Amino acid sequence: ALNADLVRVPRLPELRHPVLGNLYVRELRLWRNPELPRMLIAAPALFTEDLADSLWDAGIATWNWSVNAMSREELMIAAEQLQPQGVVCVNHINGLAEACEELGLPMLEWEVDPSTEALAPATRPVPKTRIFTYRKSHVSTFEKAGFQASYMPLAANPARRHPVELTPSEREQFGAELCFVG
């Protein structure tokens, strides 16, 4: 079995590659817990580990939907086999909203980085797609291209990114009143 058809494999003894097995932690979670609701994460992208961990903490399994490595047909088959509740995407991928609409899947997109690609207008209505951007000026750009967009400031996974407890001497040496992210 390969890719998404792994979730349909009967319960067999689990064998993991000693090195590469760590690359498939999310897939293994889903294989072990096939009853969980699931989301596809358009990969590769920034913050996919944070998204997957946060969704897992909320009781939702995730699967990497390798949008740059798989053919359109393979992506559609994977989505049909996995039967996800939706798709999460970090940064805009032209054509992904339309593919999700074709599959009947809602998509949440979080724009966190400037794109090197020009934003292509939606080729069909995509009412199940919601785009969140940290740049207020991009809301109207996405809306003019046919997407529903909202402003949302940058955020972080507080389970992974949180203040470190410092001793008074460490705070004196490393502490700052202001911090820049980016």
C-alpha atoms as a PDB file:
ATOM      1  CA  ALA A   1       0.000   0.000   0.000  1.00  0.00           C
ATOM      2  CA  LEU A   2       1.191   3.486  -0.807  1.00  0.00           C
ATOM      3  CA  ASN A   3       0.034   6.974   0.098  1.00  0.00           C
ATOM      4  CA  ALA A   4      -3.595   7.395   1.198  1.00  0.00           C
ATOM      5  CA  ASP A   5      -4.572   3.774   0.594  1.00  0.00           C
ATOM      6  CA  LEU A   6      -2.602   2.974   3.771  1.00  0.00           C
ATOM      7  CA  VAL A   7      -5.635   4.001   5.842  1.00  0.00           C
ATOM      8  CA  ARG A   8      -7.606   1.168   4.244  1.00  0.00           C
ATOM      9  CA  VAL A   9      -4.975  -1.514   4.986  1.00  0.00           C
ATOM     10  CA  PRO A  10      -6.207  -4.049   7.553  1.00  0.00           C
ATOM     11  CA  ARG A  11      -4.549  -4.044  10.952  1.00  0.00           C
ATOM     12  CA  LEU A  12      -1.230  -5.763  10.354  1.00  0.00           C
ATOM     13  CA  PRO A  13       1.900  -5.822  12.476  1.00  0.00           C
ATOM     14  CA  GLU A  14       3.554  -2.412  12.426  1.00  0.00           C
ATOM     15  CA  LEU A  15       7.030  -2.298  10.928  1.00  0.00           C
ATOM     16  CA  ARG A  16       8.934   0.972  10.883  1.00  0.00           C
ATOM     17  CA  HIS A  17      12.146   1.907   9.172  1.00  0.00           C
ATOM     18  CA  PRO A  18      14.667   2.825  11.887  1.00  0.00           C
ATOM     19  CA  VAL A  19      15.482   6.204  10.309  1.00  0.00           C
ATOM     20  CA  LEU A  20      12.766   7.094   7.813  1.00  0.00           C
ATOM     21  CA  GLY A  21       9.959   5.959  10.112  1.00  0.00           C
ATOM     22  CA  ASN A  22      10.170   9.311  11.900  1.00  0.00           C
ATOM     23  CA  LEU A  23       9.161  11.101   8.700  1.00  0.00           C
ATOM     24  CA  TYR A  24       5.719   9.531   8.801  1.00  0.00           C
ATOM     25  CA  VAL A  25       4.555  10.293  12.332  1.00  0.00           C
ATOM     26  CA  ARG A  26       1.269  11.919  11.224  1.00  0.00           C
ATOM     27  CA  GLU A  27       0.439   9.167   8.778  1.00  0.00           C
ATOM     28  CA  LEU A  28       1.124   6.591  11.471  1.00  0.00           C
ATOM     29  CA  ARG A  29      -1.193   8.447  13.877  1.00  0.00           C
ATOM     30  CA  LEU A  30      -3.981   8.256  11.327  1.00  0.00           C
ATOM     31  CA  TRP A  31      -3.315   4.590  10.558  1.00  0.00           C
ATOM     32  CA  ARG A  32      -3.472   3.817  14.288  1.00  0.00           C
ATOM     33  CA  ASN A  33      -6.627   5.951  14.783  1.00  0.00           C
ATOM     34  CA  PRO A  34      -8.738   5.544  11.618  1.00  0.00           C
ATOM     35  CA  GLU A  35     -11.915   6.652  13.426  1.00  0.00           C
ATOM     36  CA  LEU A  36     -10.629  10.197  14.010  1.00  0.00           C
ATOM     37  CA  PRO A  37     -11.816  13.115  11.916  1.00  0.00           C
ATOM     38  CA  ARG A  38      -9.087  14.185   9.520  1.00  0.00           C
ATOM     39  CA  MET A  39      -7.772  17.172   7.643  1.00  0.00           C
ATOM     40  CA  LEU A  40      -5.419  17.347   4.689  1.00  0.00           C
ATOM     41  CA  ILE A  41      -2.487  19.719   5.070  1.00  0.00           C
ATOM     42  CA  ALA A  42      -1.216  21.066   1.763  1.00  0.00           C
ATOM     43  CA  ALA A  43       2.491  20.353   1.935  1.00  0.00           C
ATOM     44  CA  PRO A  44       5.261  21.254   1.852  1.00  0.00           C
ATOM     45  CA  ALA A  45       4.748  24.568   3.620  1.00  0.00           C
ATOM     46  CA  LEU A  46       5.775  26.592   6.615  1.00  0.00           C
ATOM     47  CA  PHE A  47       4.209  25.714   9.950  1.00  0.00           C
ATOM     48  CA  THR A  48       2.817  22.340   8.825  1.00  0.00           C
ATOM     49  CA  GLU A  49       4.260  20.687  11.930  1.00  0.00           C
ATOM     50  CA  ASP A  50       2.645  23.316  14.156  1.00  0.00           C
ATOM     51  CA  LEU A  51      -0.679  22.942  12.360  1.00  0.00           C
ATOM     52  CA  ALA A  52      -0.582  19.163  12.537  1.00  0.00           C
ATOM     53  CA  ASP A  53       0.319  19.159  16.226  1.00  0.00           C
ATOM     54  CA  SER A  54      -2.393  21.694  17.094  1.00  0.00           C
ATOM     55  CA  LEU A  55      -5.020  19.746  15.136  1.00  0.00           C
ATOM     56  CA  TRP A  56      -3.874  16.496  16.780  1.00  0.00           C
ATOM     57  CA  ASP A  57      -4.252  18.135  20.206  1.00  0.00           C
ATOM     58  CA  ALA A  58      -7.823  19.007  19.157  1.00  0.00           C
ATOM     59  CA  GLY A  59      -8.514  15.346  18.253  1.00  0.00           C
ATOM     60  CA  ILE A  60      -8.080  15.715  14.481  1.00  0.00           C
ATOM     61  CA  ALA A  61      -5.660  13.553  12.506  1.00  0.00           C
ATOM     62  CA  THR A  62      -3.811  15.054   9.546  1.00  0.00           C
ATOM     63  CA  TRP A  63      -2.335  13.816   6.302  1.00  0.00           C
ATOM     64  CA  ASN A  64       0.266  15.566   4.159  1.00  0.00           C
ATOM     65  CA  TRP A  65      -1.334  16.332   0.823  1.00  0.00           C
ATOM     66  CA  SER A  66       1.830  16.691  -1.250  1.00  0.00           C
ATOM     67  CA  VAL A  67       0.512  19.235  -3.725  1.00  0.00           C
ATOM     68  CA  ASN A  68       3.873  19.891  -5.375  1.00  0.00           C
ATOM     69  CA  ALA A  69       4.992  16.253  -5.615  1.00  0.00           C
ATOM     70  CA  MET A  70       1.871  14.402  -6.766  1.00  0.00           C
ATOM     71  CA  SER A  71      -0.152  14.576  -9.952  1.00  0.00           C
ATOM     72  CA  ARG A  72      -3.622  16.100  -9.860  1.00  0.00           C
ATOM     73  CA  GLU A  73      -5.137  12.630 -10.279  1.00  0.00           C
ATOM     74  CA  GLU A  74      -3.146  11.239  -7.341  1.00  0.00           C
ATOM     75  CA  LEU A  75      -4.188  14.185  -5.183  1.00  0.00           C
ATOM     76  CA  MET A  76      -7.856  13.665  -6.011  1.00  0.00           C
ATOM     77  CA  ILE A  77      -7.643   9.911  -5.330  1.00  0.00           C
ATOM     78  CA  ALA A  78      -5.895  10.547  -2.003  1.00  0.00           C
ATOM     79  CA  ALA A  79      -8.615  13.017  -0.969  1.00  0.00           C
ATOM     80  CA  GLU A  80     -11.368  10.588  -1.964  1.00  0.00           C
ATOM     81  CA  GLN A  81      -9.738   7.713  -0.059  1.00  0.00           C
ATOM     82  CA  LEU A  82      -9.004   9.723   3.074  1.00  0.00           C
ATOM     83  CA  GLN A  83     -12.433  11.394   3.191  1.00  0.00           C
ATOM     84  CA  PRO A  84     -11.183  14.442   5.118  1.00  0.00           C
ATOM     85  CA  GLN A  85     -13.336  17.111   6.697  1.00  0.00           C
ATOM     86  CA  GLY A  86     -11.302  19.777   4.906  1.00  0.00           C
ATOM     87  CA  VAL A  87      -7.949  21.143   3.827  1.00  0.00           C
ATOM     88  CA  VAL A  88      -5.545  23.505   5.571  1.00  0.00           C
ATOM     89  CA  CYS A  89      -3.021  25.437   3.518  1.00  0.00           C
ATOM     90  CA  VAL A  90      -0.236  27.823   4.511  1.00  0.00           C
ATOM     91  CA  ASN A  91       0.306  30.439   1.798  1.00  0.00           C
ATOM     92  CA  HIS A  92      -1.636  30.577  -1.431  1.00  0.00           C
ATOM     93  CA  ILE A  93      -1.326  27.848  -4.052  1.00  0.00           C
ATOM     94  CA  ASN A  94      -3.010  28.778  -7.322  1.00  0.00           C
ATOM     95  CA  GLY A  95      -5.715  26.267  -8.261  1.00  0.00           C
ATOM     96  CA  LEU A  96      -5.939  24.573  -4.859  1.00  0.00           C
ATOM     97  CA  ALA A  97      -9.199  26.290  -3.853  1.00  0.00           C
ATOM     98  CA  GLU A  98     -10.822  25.137  -7.092  1.00  0.00           C
ATOM     99  CA  ALA A  99      -9.651  21.539  -6.538  1.00  0.00           C
ATOM    100  CA  CYS A 100     -11.061  21.609  -3.002  1.00  0.00           C
ATOM    101  CA  GLU A 101     -14.343  22.987  -4.327  1.00  0.00           C
ATOM    102  CA  GLU A 102     -14.483  20.175  -6.886  1.00  0.00           C
ATOM    103  CA  LEU A 103     -14.041  17.679  -4.034  1.00  0.00           C
ATOM    104  CA  GLY A 104     -16.638  19.479  -1.919  1.00  0.00           C
ATOM    105  CA  LEU A 105     -14.052  20.219   0.778  1.00  0.00           C
ATOM    106  CA  PRO A 106     -13.783  23.427   2.773  1.00  0.00           C
ATOM    107  CA  MET A 107     -10.329  24.973   2.731  1.00  0.00           C
ATOM    108  CA  LEU A 108      -8.694  27.290   5.233  1.00  0.00           C
ATOM    109  CA  GLU A 109      -5.683  29.179   3.970  1.00  0.00           C
ATOM    110  CA  TRP A 110      -3.335  31.186   6.138  1.00  0.00           C
ATOM    111  CA  GLU A 111      -1.130  33.598   4.240  1.00  0.00           C
ATOM    112  CA  VAL A 112       2.028  34.222   6.237  1.00  0.00           C
ATOM    113  CA  ASP A 113       4.652  34.960   3.571  1.00  0.00           C
ATOM    114  CA  PRO A 114       4.790  37.026   0.403  1.00  0.00           C
ATOM    115  CA  SER A 115       4.363  34.842  -2.661  1.00  0.00           C
ATOM    116  CA  THR A 116       6.772  34.750  -5.572  1.00  0.00           C
ATOM    117  CA  GLU A 117       3.843  33.779  -7.839  1.00  0.00           C
ATOM    118  CA  ALA A 118       1.241  36.206  -9.090  1.00  0.00           C
ATOM    119  CA  LEU A 119      -2.180  35.628  -7.541  1.00  0.00           C
ATOM    120  CA  ALA A 120      -4.345  33.961 -10.182  1.00  0.00           C
ATOM    121  CA  PRO A 121      -8.054  34.799 -10.044  1.00  0.00           C
ATOM    122  CA  ALA A 122     -10.322  31.940  -9.010  1.00  0.00           C
ATOM    123  CA  THR A 123     -11.474  30.106 -12.125  1.00  0.00           C
ATOM    124  CA  ARG A 124     -14.820  29.214 -10.535  1.00  0.00           C
ATOM    125  CA  PRO A 125     -16.737  30.223  -7.422  1.00  0.00           C
ATOM    126  CA  VAL A 126     -15.000  28.935  -4.281  1.00  0.00           C
ATOM    127  CA  PRO A 127     -17.461  29.610  -1.436  1.00  0.00           C
ATOM    128  CA  LYS A 128     -15.941  26.918   0.803  1.00  0.00           C
ATOM    129  CA  THR A 129     -12.517  28.604   0.854  1.00  0.00           C
ATOM    130  CA  ARG A 130     -11.550  31.129   3.514  1.00  0.00           C
ATOM    131  CA  ILE A 131      -8.263  32.980   3.305  1.00  0.00           C
ATOM    132  CA  PHE A 132      -6.702  34.656   6.321  1.00  0.00           C
ATOM    133  CA  THR A 133      -3.859  37.105   5.790  1.00  0.00           C
ATOM    134  CA  TYR A 134      -1.690  39.015   8.217  1.00  0.00           C
ATOM    135  CA  ARG A 135      -1.550  41.940   5.781  1.00  0.00           C
ATOM    136  CA  LYS A 136      -4.704  44.046   5.828  1.00  0.00           C
ATOM    137  CA  SER A 137      -3.908  45.365   2.351  1.00  0.00           C
ATOM    138  CA  HIS A 138      -4.094  41.846   0.899  1.00  0.00           C
ATOM    139  CA  VAL A 139      -7.712  41.315   1.939  1.00  0.00           C
ATOM    140  CA  SER A 140      -8.973  43.401  -0.999  1.00  0.00           C
ATOM    141  CA  THR A 141      -6.448  41.751  -3.365  1.00  0.00           C
ATOM    142  CA  PHE A 142      -7.795  38.292  -2.531  1.00  0.00           C
ATOM    143  CA  GLU A 143     -11.398  39.501  -2.696  1.00  0.00           C
ATOM    144  CA  LYS A 144     -10.866  41.028  -6.163  1.00  0.00           C
ATOM    145  CA  ALA A 145      -9.481  37.638  -7.272  1.00  0.00           C
ATOM    146  CA  GLY A 146     -12.719  35.941  -6.164  1.00  0.00           C
ATOM    147  CA  PHE A 147     -11.823  34.692  -2.673  1.00  0.00           C
ATOM    148  CA  GLN A 148     -13.340  35.347   0.752  1.00  0.00           C
ATOM    149  CA  ALA A 149     -10.541  36.881   2.804  1.00  0.00           C
ATOM    150  CA  SER A 150     -10.092  38.251   6.298  1.00  0.00           C
ATOM    151  CA  TYR A 151      -7.328  39.933   8.225  1.00  0.00           C
ATOM    152  CA  MET A 152      -5.730  37.782  10.937  1.00  0.00           C
ATOM    153  CA  PRO A 153      -2.513  38.756  12.707  1.00  0.00           C
ATOM    154  CA  LEU A 154       0.359  36.314  12.822  1.00  0.00           C
ATOM    155  CA  ALA A 155       0.173  33.688  15.516  1.00  0.00           C
ATOM    156  CA  ALA A 156       2.224  30.853  16.930  1.00  0.00           C
ATOM    157  CA  ASN A 157       1.658  27.456  18.476  1.00  0.00           C
ATOM    158  CA  PRO A 158       1.852  28.265  22.209  1.00  0.00           C
ATOM    159  CA  ALA A 159       2.672  24.635  23.037  1.00  0.00           C
ATOM    160  CA  ARG A 160       5.857  24.940  20.984  1.00  0.00           C
ATOM    161  CA  ARG A 161       6.649  28.655  21.093  1.00  0.00           C
ATOM    162  CA  HIS A 162       6.413  30.176  24.547  1.00  0.00           C
ATOM    163  CA  PRO A 163       8.552  32.268  26.853  1.00  0.00           C
ATOM    164  CA  VAL A 164      11.443  30.467  28.454  1.00  0.00           C
ATOM    165  CA  GLU A 165      11.859  30.848  32.198  1.00  0.00           C
ATOM    166  CA  LEU A 166      15.039  32.842  32.809  1.00  0.00           C
ATOM    167  CA  THR A 167      16.984  33.335  35.979  1.00  0.00           C
ATOM    168  CA  PRO A 168      17.436  36.952  37.039  1.00  0.00           C
ATOM    169  CA  SER A 169      21.004  36.954  35.689  1.00  0.00           C
ATOM    170  CA  GLU A 170      19.864  35.424  32.359  1.00  0.00           C
ATOM    171  CA  ARG A 171      17.065  38.013  32.113  1.00  0.00           C
ATOM    172  CA  GLU A 172      19.649  40.752  32.735  1.00  0.00           C
ATOM    173  CA  GLN A 173      21.872  39.382  29.957  1.00  0.00           C
ATOM    174  CA  PHE A 174      19.262  38.184  27.388  1.00  0.00           C
ATOM    175  CA  GLY A 175      15.999  39.969  28.276  1.00  0.00           C
ATOM    176  CA  ALA A 176      14.486  42.562  25.953  1.00  0.00           C
ATOM    177  CA  GLU A 177      11.547  44.969  26.156  1.00  0.00           C
ATOM    178  CA  LEU A 178      10.770  44.469  22.479  1.00  0.00           C
ATOM    179  CA  CYS A 179      11.199  41.512  20.147  1.00  0.00           C
ATOM    180  CA  PHE A 180      10.974  41.353  16.351  1.00  0.00           C
ATOM    181  CA  VAL A 181       9.590  38.307  14.539  1.00  0.00           C
ATOM    182  CA  GLY A 182      10.376  37.919  10.863  1.00  0.00           C
END
